[in-house]
Amino acid sequence: RQGKHNKHKIPRTRTVVSVRECLLADLLYPVDVVGRRWRHK
């Protein structure tokens, strides 16, 4: 979680984006992700 005053930094491996990417990599193992596309509707 981000602190109230934003003074302490969150380790990169604990951010939402990083955790989601690692979770996806775990679910897809042994296949690697070779590309991503985002579409904002």
ModelCIF file with pLDDT and N, C-alpha, C, O atoms, coordinates in Angstrom:
data_MODEL
#
_entry.id   MODEL 
#
_entity.id                         1 
_entity.type                       polymer 
_entity.pdbx_number_of_molecules   1 
#
_entity_poly.entity_id                      1 
_entity_poly.type                           'polypeptide(L)' 
_entity_poly.nstd_linkage                   no 
_entity_poly.nstd_monomer                   no 
_entity_poly.pdbx_seq_one_letter_code       RQGKHNKHKIPRTRTVVSVRECLLADLLYPVDVVGRRWRHK 
_entity_poly.pdbx_seq_one_letter_code_can   RQGKHNKHKIPRTRTVVSVRECLLADLLYPVDVVGRRWRHK 
_entity_poly.pdbx_strand_id                 A 
#
loop_
_entity_poly_seq.entity_id 
_entity_poly_seq.num 
_entity_poly_seq.mon_id 
_entity_poly_seq.hetero 
1 1  ARG n 
1 2  GLN n 
1 3  GLY n 
1 4  LYS n 
1 5  HIS n 
1 6  ASN n 
1 7  LYS n 
1 8  HIS n 
1 9  LYS n 
1 10 ILE n 
1 11 PRO n 
1 12 ARG n 
1 13 THR n 
1 14 ARG n 
1 15 THR n 
1 16 VAL n 
1 17 VAL n 
1 18 SER n 
1 19 VAL n 
1 20 ARG n 
1 21 GLU n 
1 22 CYS n 
1 23 LEU n 
1 24 LEU n 
1 25 ALA n 
1 26 ASP n 
1 27 LEU n 
1 28 LEU n 
1 29 TYR n 
1 30 PRO n 
1 31 VAL n 
1 32 ASP n 
1 33 VAL n 
1 34 VAL n 
1 35 GLY n 
1 36 ARG n 
1 37 ARG n 
1 38 TRP n 
1 39 ARG n 
1 40 HIS n 
1 41 LYS n 
#
_struct_asym.id          A 
_struct_asym.entity_id   1 
#
loop_
_ma_qa_metric.id 
_ma_qa_metric.mode 
_ma_qa_metric.name 
_ma_qa_metric.software_group_id 
_ma_qa_metric.type 
1 global pLDDT . pLDDT 
2 local  pLDDT . pLDDT 
#
_ma_qa_metric_global.metric_id      1 
_ma_qa_metric_global.metric_value   84.24 
_ma_qa_metric_global.model_id       1 
_ma_qa_metric_global.ordinal_id     1 
#
loop_
_ma_qa_metric_local.label_asym_id 
_ma_qa_metric_local.label_comp_id 
_ma_qa_metric_local.label_seq_id 
_ma_qa_metric_local.metric_id 
_ma_qa_metric_local.metric_value 
_ma_qa_metric_local.model_id 
_ma_qa_metric_local.ordinal_id 
A ARG 1  2 78.00 1 1  
A GLN 2  2 75.00 1 2  
A GLY 3  2 69.00 1 3  
A LYS 4  2 70.00 1 4  
A HIS 5  2 69.00 1 5  
A ASN 6  2 68.00 1 6  
A LYS 7  2 68.00 1 7  
A HIS 8  2 73.00 1 8  
A LYS 9  2 79.00 1 9  
A ILE 10 2 78.00 1 10 
A PRO 11 2 79.00 1 11 
A ARG 12 2 77.00 1 12 
A THR 13 2 80.00 1 13 
A ARG 14 2 82.00 1 14 
A THR 15 2 85.00 1 15 
A VAL 16 2 83.00 1 16 
A VAL 17 2 85.00 1 17 
A SER 18 2 88.00 1 18 
A VAL 19 2 90.00 1 19 
A ARG 20 2 91.00 1 20 
A GLU 21 2 92.00 1 21 
A CYS 22 2 92.00 1 22 
A LEU 23 2 93.00 1 23 
A LEU 24 2 93.00 1 24 
A ALA 25 2 92.00 1 25 
A ASP 26 2 93.00 1 26 
A LEU 27 2 93.00 1 27 
A LEU 28 2 93.00 1 28 
A TYR 29 2 91.00 1 29 
A PRO 30 2 88.00 1 30 
A VAL 31 2 91.00 1 31 
A ASP 32 2 87.00 1 32 
A VAL 33 2 89.00 1 33 
A VAL 34 2 88.00 1 34 
A GLY 35 2 87.00 1 35 
A ARG 36 2 89.00 1 36 
A ARG 37 2 89.00 1 37 
A TRP 38 2 88.00 1 38 
A ARG 39 2 87.00 1 39 
A HIS 40 2 87.00 1 40 
A LYS 41 2 85.00 1 41 
#
loop_
_atom_site.group_PDB 
_atom_site.id 
_atom_site.type_symbol 
_atom_site.label_atom_id 
_atom_site.label_alt_id 
_atom_site.label_comp_id 
_atom_site.label_asym_id 
_atom_site.label_entity_id 
_atom_site.label_seq_id 
_atom_site.pdbx_PDB_ins_code 
_atom_site.Cartn_x 
_atom_site.Cartn_y 
_atom_site.Cartn_z 
_atom_site.occupancy 
_atom_site.B_iso_or_equiv 
_atom_site.pdbx_formal_charge 
_atom_site.auth_seq_id 
_atom_site.auth_comp_id 
_atom_site.auth_asym_id 
_atom_site.auth_atom_id 
_atom_site.pdbx_PDB_model_num 
ATOM 1   N N  . ARG A 1 1  ? 0.840   -1.213  0.000   1.00 78.00 ? 1  ARG A N  1 
ATOM 2   C CA . ARG A 1 1  ? 0.000   0.000   0.000   1.00 78.00 ? 1  ARG A CA 1 
ATOM 3   C C  . ARG A 1 1  ? 0.863   1.246   0.000   1.00 78.00 ? 1  ARG A C  1 
ATOM 4   O O  . ARG A 1 1  ? 1.959   1.270   0.561   1.00 78.00 ? 1  ARG A O  1 
ATOM 5   N N  . GLN A 1 2  ? 0.346   2.275   -0.639  1.00 75.00 ? 2  GLN A N  1 
ATOM 6   C CA . GLN A 1 2  ? 1.033   3.564   -0.637  1.00 75.00 ? 2  GLN A CA 1 
ATOM 7   C C  . GLN A 1 2  ? 0.758   4.243   0.703   1.00 75.00 ? 2  GLN A C  1 
ATOM 8   O O  . GLN A 1 2  ? -0.378  4.251   1.176   1.00 75.00 ? 2  GLN A O  1 
ATOM 9   N N  . GLY A 1 3  ? 1.789   4.809   1.308   1.00 69.00 ? 3  GLY A N  1 
ATOM 10  C CA . GLY A 1 3  ? 1.631   5.486   2.592   1.00 69.00 ? 3  GLY A CA 1 
ATOM 11  C C  . GLY A 1 3  ? 0.820   6.767   2.461   1.00 69.00 ? 3  GLY A C  1 
ATOM 12  O O  . GLY A 1 3  ? 0.570   7.242   1.353   1.00 69.00 ? 3  GLY A O  1 
ATOM 13  N N  . LYS A 1 4  ? 0.409   7.325   3.603   1.00 70.00 ? 4  LYS A N  1 
ATOM 14  C CA . LYS A 1 4  ? -0.409  8.540   3.599   1.00 70.00 ? 4  LYS A CA 1 
ATOM 15  C C  . LYS A 1 4  ? 0.324   9.731   2.984   1.00 70.00 ? 4  LYS A C  1 
ATOM 16  O O  . LYS A 1 4  ? -0.274  10.535  2.269   1.00 70.00 ? 4  LYS A O  1 
ATOM 17  N N  . HIS A 1 5  ? 1.604   9.835   3.264   1.00 69.00 ? 5  HIS A N  1 
ATOM 18  C CA . HIS A 1 5  ? 2.340   11.035  2.854   1.00 69.00 ? 5  HIS A CA 1 
ATOM 19  C C  . HIS A 1 5  ? 3.247   10.813  1.658   1.00 69.00 ? 5  HIS A C  1 
ATOM 20  O O  . HIS A 1 5  ? 3.991   11.717  1.278   1.00 69.00 ? 5  HIS A O  1 
ATOM 21  N N  . ASN A 1 6  ? 3.205   9.633   1.055   1.00 68.00 ? 6  ASN A N  1 
ATOM 22  C CA . ASN A 1 6  ? 4.028   9.313   -0.121  1.00 68.00 ? 6  ASN A CA 1 
ATOM 23  C C  . ASN A 1 6  ? 5.517   9.477   0.130   1.00 68.00 ? 6  ASN A C  1 
ATOM 24  O O  . ASN A 1 6  ? 6.280   9.674   -0.816  1.00 68.00 ? 6  ASN A O  1 
ATOM 25  N N  . LYS A 1 7  ? 5.950   9.399   1.388   1.00 68.00 ? 7  LYS A N  1 
ATOM 26  C CA . LYS A 1 7  ? 7.372   9.590   1.663   1.00 68.00 ? 7  LYS A CA 1 
ATOM 27  C C  . LYS A 1 7  ? 8.162   8.301   1.510   1.00 68.00 ? 7  LYS A C  1 
ATOM 28  O O  . LYS A 1 7  ? 9.318   8.329   1.089   1.00 68.00 ? 7  LYS A O  1 
ATOM 29  N N  . HIS A 1 8  ? 7.548   7.167   1.847   1.00 73.00 ? 8  HIS A N  1 
ATOM 30  C CA . HIS A 1 8  ? 8.293   5.918   1.677   1.00 73.00 ? 8  HIS A CA 1 
ATOM 31  C C  . HIS A 1 8  ? 8.003   5.346   0.298   1.00 73.00 ? 8  HIS A C  1 
ATOM 32  O O  . HIS A 1 8  ? 6.876   5.399   -0.195  1.00 73.00 ? 8  HIS A O  1 
ATOM 33  N N  . LYS A 1 9  ? 9.037   4.805   -0.306  1.00 79.00 ? 9  LYS A N  1 
ATOM 34  C CA . LYS A 1 9  ? 8.888   4.262   -1.653  1.00 79.00 ? 9  LYS A CA 1 
ATOM 35  C C  . LYS A 1 9  ? 8.508   2.794   -1.586  1.00 79.00 ? 9  LYS A C  1 
ATOM 36  O O  . LYS A 1 9  ? 8.992   2.053   -0.731  1.00 79.00 ? 9  LYS A O  1 
ATOM 37  N N  . ILE A 1 10 ? 7.644   2.386   -2.489  1.00 78.00 ? 10 ILE A N  1 
ATOM 38  C CA . ILE A 1 10 ? 7.233   0.988   -2.585  1.00 78.00 ? 10 ILE A CA 1 
ATOM 39  C C  . ILE A 1 10 ? 8.244   0.270   -3.473  1.00 78.00 ? 10 ILE A C  1 
ATOM 40  O O  . ILE A 1 10 ? 8.601   0.781   -4.535  1.00 78.00 ? 10 ILE A O  1 
ATOM 41  N N  . PRO A 1 11 ? 8.712   -0.913  -3.053  1.00 79.00 ? 11 PRO A N  1 
ATOM 42  C CA . PRO A 1 11 ? 9.599   -1.678  -3.943  1.00 79.00 ? 11 PRO A CA 1 
ATOM 43  C C  . PRO A 1 11 ? 8.887   -1.983  -5.256  1.00 79.00 ? 11 PRO A C  1 
ATOM 44  O O  . PRO A 1 11 ? 7.687   -2.258  -5.265  1.00 79.00 ? 11 PRO A O  1 
ATOM 45  N N  . ARG A 1 12 ? 9.607   -1.937  -6.339  1.00 77.00 ? 12 ARG A N  1 
ATOM 46  C CA . ARG A 1 12 ? 9.019   -2.148  -7.664  1.00 77.00 ? 12 ARG A CA 1 
ATOM 47  C C  . ARG A 1 12 ? 8.268   -3.484  -7.760  1.00 77.00 ? 12 ARG A C  1 
ATOM 48  O O  . ARG A 1 12 ? 7.232   -3.573  -8.419  1.00 77.00 ? 12 ARG A O  1 
ATOM 49  N N  . THR A 1 13 ? 8.797   -4.517  -7.099  1.00 80.00 ? 13 THR A N  1 
ATOM 50  C CA . THR A 1 13 ? 8.169   -5.838  -7.167  1.00 80.00 ? 13 THR A CA 1 
ATOM 51  C C  . THR A 1 13 ? 6.846   -5.908  -6.419  1.00 80.00 ? 13 THR A C  1 
ATOM 52  O O  . THR A 1 13 ? 6.108   -6.883  -6.560  1.00 80.00 ? 13 THR A O  1 
ATOM 53  N N  . ARG A 1 14 ? 6.534   -4.884  -5.620  1.00 82.00 ? 14 ARG A N  1 
ATOM 54  C CA . ARG A 1 14 ? 5.293   -4.877  -4.846  1.00 82.00 ? 14 ARG A CA 1 
ATOM 55  C C  . ARG A 1 14 ? 4.221   -3.962  -5.427  1.00 82.00 ? 14 ARG A C  1 
ATOM 56  O O  . ARG A 1 14 ? 3.162   -3.797  -4.821  1.00 82.00 ? 14 ARG A O  1 
ATOM 57  N N  . THR A 1 15 ? 4.475   -3.363  -6.595  1.00 85.00 ? 15 THR A N  1 
ATOM 58  C CA . THR A 1 15 ? 3.474   -2.492  -7.209  1.00 85.00 ? 15 THR A CA 1 
ATOM 59  C C  . THR A 1 15 ? 2.388   -3.336  -7.883  1.00 85.00 ? 15 THR A C  1 
ATOM 60  O O  . THR A 1 15 ? 2.603   -4.510  -8.182  1.00 85.00 ? 15 THR A O  1 
ATOM 61  N N  . VAL A 1 16 ? 1.234   -2.735  -8.115  1.00 83.00 ? 16 VAL A N  1 
ATOM 62  C CA . VAL A 1 16 ? 0.111   -3.446  -8.724  1.00 83.00 ? 16 VAL A CA 1 
ATOM 63  C C  . VAL A 1 16 ? 0.482   -3.976  -10.103 1.00 83.00 ? 16 VAL A C  1 
ATOM 64  O O  . VAL A 1 16 ? 0.194   -5.129  -10.421 1.00 83.00 ? 16 VAL A O  1 
ATOM 65  N N  . VAL A 1 17 ? 1.118   -3.145  -10.922 1.00 85.00 ? 17 VAL A N  1 
ATOM 66  C CA . VAL A 1 17 ? 1.474   -3.540  -12.286 1.00 85.00 ? 17 VAL A CA 1 
ATOM 67  C C  . VAL A 1 17 ? 2.453   -4.706  -12.273 1.00 85.00 ? 17 VAL A C  1 
ATOM 68  O O  . VAL A 1 17 ? 2.279   -5.673  -13.015 1.00 85.00 ? 17 VAL A O  1 
ATOM 69  N N  . SER A 1 18 ? 3.476   -4.618  -11.437 1.00 88.00 ? 18 SER A N  1 
ATOM 70  C CA . SER A 1 18 ? 4.483   -5.678  -11.378 1.00 88.00 ? 18 SER A CA 1 
ATOM 71  C C  . SER A 1 18 ? 3.893   -6.995  -10.888 1.00 88.00 ? 18 SER A C  1 
ATOM 72  O O  . SER A 1 18 ? 4.196   -8.054  -11.440 1.00 88.00 ? 18 SER A O  1 
ATOM 73  N N  . VAL A 1 19 ? 3.051   -6.938  -9.853  1.00 90.00 ? 19 VAL A N  1 
ATOM 74  C CA . VAL A 1 19 ? 2.439   -8.154  -9.319  1.00 90.00 ? 19 VAL A CA 1 
ATOM 75  C C  . VAL A 1 19 ? 1.533   -8.792  -10.364 1.00 90.00 ? 19 VAL A C  1 
ATOM 76  O O  . VAL A 1 19 ? 1.517   -10.015 -10.504 1.00 90.00 ? 19 VAL A O  1 
ATOM 77  N N  . ARG A 1 20 ? 0.780   -7.977  -11.098 1.00 91.00 ? 20 ARG A N  1 
ATOM 78  C CA . ARG A 1 20 ? -0.098  -8.528  -12.143 1.00 91.00 ? 20 ARG A CA 1 
ATOM 79  C C  . ARG A 1 20 ? 0.699   -9.170  -13.272 1.00 91.00 ? 20 ARG A C  1 
ATOM 80  O O  . ARG A 1 20 ? 0.325   -10.234 -13.766 1.00 91.00 ? 20 ARG A O  1 
ATOM 81  N N  . GLU A 1 21 ? 1.787   -8.536  -13.683 1.00 92.00 ? 21 GLU A N  1 
ATOM 82  C CA . GLU A 1 21 ? 2.618   -9.108  -14.749 1.00 92.00 ? 21 GLU A CA 1 
ATOM 83  C C  . GLU A 1 21 ? 3.254   -10.430 -14.316 1.00 92.00 ? 21 GLU A C  1 
ATOM 84  O O  . GLU A 1 21 ? 3.308   -11.386 -15.090 1.00 92.00 ? 21 GLU A O  1 
ATOM 85  N N  . CYS A 1 22 ? 3.734   -10.470 -13.077 1.00 92.00 ? 22 CYS A N  1 
ATOM 86  C CA . CYS A 1 22 ? 4.339   -11.708 -12.567 1.00 92.00 ? 22 CYS A CA 1 
ATOM 87  C C  . CYS A 1 22 ? 3.290   -12.810 -12.418 1.00 92.00 ? 22 CYS A C  1 
ATOM 88  O O  . CYS A 1 22 ? 3.568   -13.979 -12.685 1.00 92.00 ? 22 CYS A O  1 
ATOM 89  N N  . LEU A 1 23 ? 2.094   -12.435 -11.993 1.00 93.00 ? 23 LEU A N  1 
ATOM 90  C CA . LEU A 1 23 ? 1.004   -13.399 -11.856 1.00 93.00 ? 23 LEU A CA 1 
ATOM 91  C C  . LEU A 1 23 ? 0.647   -14.002 -13.214 1.00 93.00 ? 23 LEU A C  1 
ATOM 92  O O  . LEU A 1 23 ? 0.436   -15.209 -13.328 1.00 93.00 ? 23 LEU A O  1 
ATOM 93  N N  . LEU A 1 24 ? 0.582   -13.162 -14.232 1.00 93.00 ? 24 LEU A N  1 
ATOM 94  C CA . LEU A 1 24 ? 0.291   -13.638 -15.581 1.00 93.00 ? 24 LEU A CA 1 
ATOM 95  C C  . LEU A 1 24 ? 1.405   -14.558 -16.088 1.00 93.00 ? 24 LEU A C  1 
ATOM 96  O O  . LEU A 1 24 ? 1.133   -15.579 -16.720 1.00 93.00 ? 24 LEU A O  1 
ATOM 97  N N  . ALA A 1 25 ? 2.656   -14.193 -15.810 1.00 92.00 ? 25 ALA A N  1 
ATOM 98  C CA . ALA A 1 25 ? 3.787   -15.030 -16.220 1.00 92.00 ? 25 ALA A CA 1 
ATOM 99  C C  . ALA A 1 25 ? 3.735   -16.394 -15.531 1.00 92.00 ? 25 ALA A C  1 
ATOM 100 O O  . ALA A 1 25 ? 4.033   -17.416 -16.150 1.00 92.00 ? 25 ALA A O  1 
ATOM 101 N N  . ASP A 1 26 ? 3.353   -16.412 -14.239 1.00 93.00 ? 26 ASP A N  1 
ATOM 102 C CA . ASP A 1 26 ? 3.219   -17.680 -13.517 1.00 93.00 ? 26 ASP A CA 1 
ATOM 103 C C  . ASP A 1 26 ? 2.125   -18.542 -14.116 1.00 93.00 ? 26 ASP A C  1 
ATOM 104 O O  . ASP A 1 26 ? 2.304   -19.748 -14.287 1.00 93.00 ? 26 ASP A O  1 
ATOM 105 N N  . LEU A 1 27 ? 0.989   -17.931 -14.436 1.00 93.00 ? 27 LEU A N  1 
ATOM 106 C CA . LEU A 1 27 ? -0.140  -18.683 -14.988 1.00 93.00 ? 27 LEU A CA 1 
ATOM 107 C C  . LEU A 1 27 ? 0.190   -19.265 -16.363 1.00 93.00 ? 27 LEU A C  1 
ATOM 108 O O  . LEU A 1 27 ? -0.262  -20.359 -16.700 1.00 93.00 ? 27 LEU A O  1 
ATOM 109 N N  . LEU A 1 28 ? 0.978   -18.535 -17.154 1.00 93.00 ? 28 LEU A N  1 
ATOM 110 C CA . LEU A 1 28 ? 1.304   -18.971 -18.511 1.00 93.00 ? 28 LEU A CA 1 
ATOM 111 C C  . LEU A 1 28 ? 2.533   -19.874 -18.580 1.00 93.00 ? 28 LEU A C  1 
ATOM 112 O O  . LEU A 1 28 ? 2.810   -20.445 -19.635 1.00 93.00 ? 28 LEU A O  1 
ATOM 113 N N  . TYR A 1 29 ? 3.271   -20.016 -17.491 1.00 91.00 ? 29 TYR A N  1 
ATOM 114 C CA . TYR A 1 29 ? 4.503   -20.808 -17.529 1.00 91.00 ? 29 TYR A CA 1 
ATOM 115 C C  . TYR A 1 29 ? 4.224   -22.177 -18.127 1.00 91.00 ? 29 TYR A C  1 
ATOM 116 O O  . TYR A 1 29 ? 3.235   -22.800 -17.740 1.00 91.00 ? 29 TYR A O  1 
ATOM 117 N N  . PRO A 1 30 ? 5.033   -22.678 -19.043 1.00 88.00 ? 30 PRO A N  1 
ATOM 118 C CA . PRO A 1 30 ? 6.367   -22.313 -19.526 1.00 88.00 ? 30 PRO A CA 1 
ATOM 119 C C  . PRO A 1 30 ? 6.374   -21.422 -20.770 1.00 88.00 ? 30 PRO A C  1 
ATOM 120 O O  . PRO A 1 30 ? 7.426   -21.267 -21.390 1.00 88.00 ? 30 PRO A O  1 
ATOM 121 N N  . VAL A 1 31 ? 5.256   -20.840 -21.150 1.00 91.00 ? 31 VAL A N  1 
ATOM 122 C CA . VAL A 1 31 ? 5.182   -19.992 -22.349 1.00 91.00 ? 31 VAL A CA 1 
ATOM 123 C C  . VAL A 1 31 ? 5.442   -18.540 -21.941 1.00 91.00 ? 31 VAL A C  1 
ATOM 124 O O  . VAL A 1 31 ? 4.977   -18.092 -20.893 1.00 91.00 ? 31 VAL A O  1 
ATOM 125 N N  . ASP A 1 32 ? 6.184   -17.812 -22.771 1.00 87.00 ? 32 ASP A N  1 
ATOM 126 C CA . ASP A 1 32 ? 6.490   -16.413 -22.499 1.00 87.00 ? 32 ASP A CA 1 
ATOM 127 C C  . ASP A 1 32 ? 5.557   -15.488 -23.266 1.00 87.00 ? 32 ASP A C  1 
ATOM 128 O O  . ASP A 1 32 ? 5.060   -15.828 -24.339 1.00 87.00 ? 32 ASP A O  1 
ATOM 129 N N  . VAL A 1 33 ? 5.332   -14.317 -22.695 1.00 89.00 ? 33 VAL A N  1 
ATOM 130 C CA . VAL A 1 33 ? 4.558   -13.272 -23.360 1.00 89.00 ? 33 VAL A CA 1 
ATOM 131 C C  . VAL A 1 33 ? 5.490   -12.549 -24.335 1.00 89.00 ? 33 VAL A C  1 
ATOM 132 O O  . VAL A 1 33 ? 6.571   -12.106 -23.947 1.00 89.00 ? 33 VAL A O  1 
ATOM 133 N N  . VAL A 1 34 ? 5.069   -12.430 -25.614 1.00 88.00 ? 34 VAL A N  1 
ATOM 134 C CA . VAL A 1 34 ? 5.921   -11.761 -26.597 1.00 88.00 ? 34 VAL A CA 1 
ATOM 135 C C  . VAL A 1 34 ? 5.384   -10.388 -27.013 1.00 88.00 ? 34 VAL A C  1 
ATOM 136 O O  . VAL A 1 34 ? 6.084   -9.625  -27.677 1.00 88.00 ? 34 VAL A O  1 
ATOM 137 N N  . GLY A 1 35 ? 4.153   -10.076 -26.627 1.00 87.00 ? 35 GLY A N  1 
ATOM 138 C CA . GLY A 1 35 ? 3.602   -8.777  -26.970 1.00 87.00 ? 35 GLY A CA 1 
ATOM 139 C C  . GLY A 1 35 ? 2.357   -8.458  -26.163 1.00 87.00 ? 35 GLY A C  1 
ATOM 140 O O  . GLY A 1 35 ? 1.671   -9.355  -25.673 1.00 87.00 ? 35 GLY A O  1 
ATOM 141 N N  . ARG A 1 36 ? 2.073   -7.158  -26.032 1.00 89.00 ? 36 ARG A N  1 
ATOM 142 C CA . ARG A 1 36 ? 0.877   -6.704  -25.312 1.00 89.00 ? 36 ARG A CA 1 
ATOM 143 C C  . ARG A 1 36 ? 0.261   -5.545  -26.072 1.00 89.00 ? 36 ARG A C  1 
ATOM 144 O O  . ARG A 1 36 ? 0.966   -4.721  -26.654 1.00 89.00 ? 36 ARG A O  1 
ATOM 145 N N  . ARG A 1 37 ? -1.044  -5.493  -26.060 1.00 89.00 ? 37 ARG A N  1 
ATOM 146 C CA . ARG A 1 37 ? -1.761  -4.366  -26.653 1.00 89.00 ? 37 ARG A CA 1 
ATOM 147 C C  . ARG A 1 37 ? -2.851  -3.926  -25.683 1.00 89.00 ? 37 ARG A C  1 
ATOM 148 O O  . ARG A 1 37 ? -3.564  -4.758  -25.122 1.00 89.00 ? 37 ARG A O  1 
ATOM 149 N N  . TRP A 1 38 ? -2.976  -2.620  -25.490 1.00 88.00 ? 38 TRP A N  1 
ATOM 150 C CA . TRP A 1 38 ? -4.037  -2.092  -24.649 1.00 88.00 ? 38 TRP A CA 1 
ATOM 151 C C  . TRP A 1 38 ? -4.956  -1.252  -25.512 1.00 88.00 ? 38 TRP A C  1 
ATOM 152 O O  . TRP A 1 38 ? -4.497  -0.436  -26.312 1.00 88.00 ? 38 TRP A O  1 
ATOM 153 N N  . ARG A 1 39 ? -6.242  -1.452  -25.351 1.00 87.00 ? 39 ARG A N  1 
ATOM 154 C CA . ARG A 1 39 ? -7.212  -0.647  -26.068 1.00 87.00 ? 39 ARG A CA 1 
ATOM 155 C C  . ARG A 1 39 ? -8.094  0.041   -25.032 1.00 87.00 ? 39 ARG A C  1 
ATOM 156 O O  . ARG A 1 39 ? -8.744  -0.610  -24.214 1.00 87.00 ? 39 ARG A O  1 
ATOM 157 N N  . HIS A 1 40 ? -8.101  1.377   -25.086 1.00 87.00 ? 40 HIS A N  1 
ATOM 158 C CA . HIS A 1 40 ? -8.945  2.160   -24.187 1.00 87.00 ? 40 HIS A CA 1 
ATOM 159 C C  . HIS A 1 40 ? -10.223 2.503   -24.938 1.00 87.00 ? 40 HIS A C  1 
ATOM 160 O O  . HIS A 1 40 ? -10.190 3.172   -25.971 1.00 87.00 ? 40 HIS A O  1 
ATOM 161 N N  . LYS A 1 41 ? -11.341 2.040   -24.411 1.00 85.00 ? 41 LYS A N  1 
ATOM 162 C CA . LYS A 1 41 ? -12.619 2.249   -25.085 1.00 85.00 ? 41 LYS A CA 1 
ATOM 163 C C  . LYS A 1 41 ? -13.241 3.566   -24.649 1.00 85.00 ? 41 LYS A C  1 
ATOM 164 O O  . LYS A 1 41 ? -14.326 3.919   -25.111 1.00 85.00 ? 41 LYS A O  1 
#
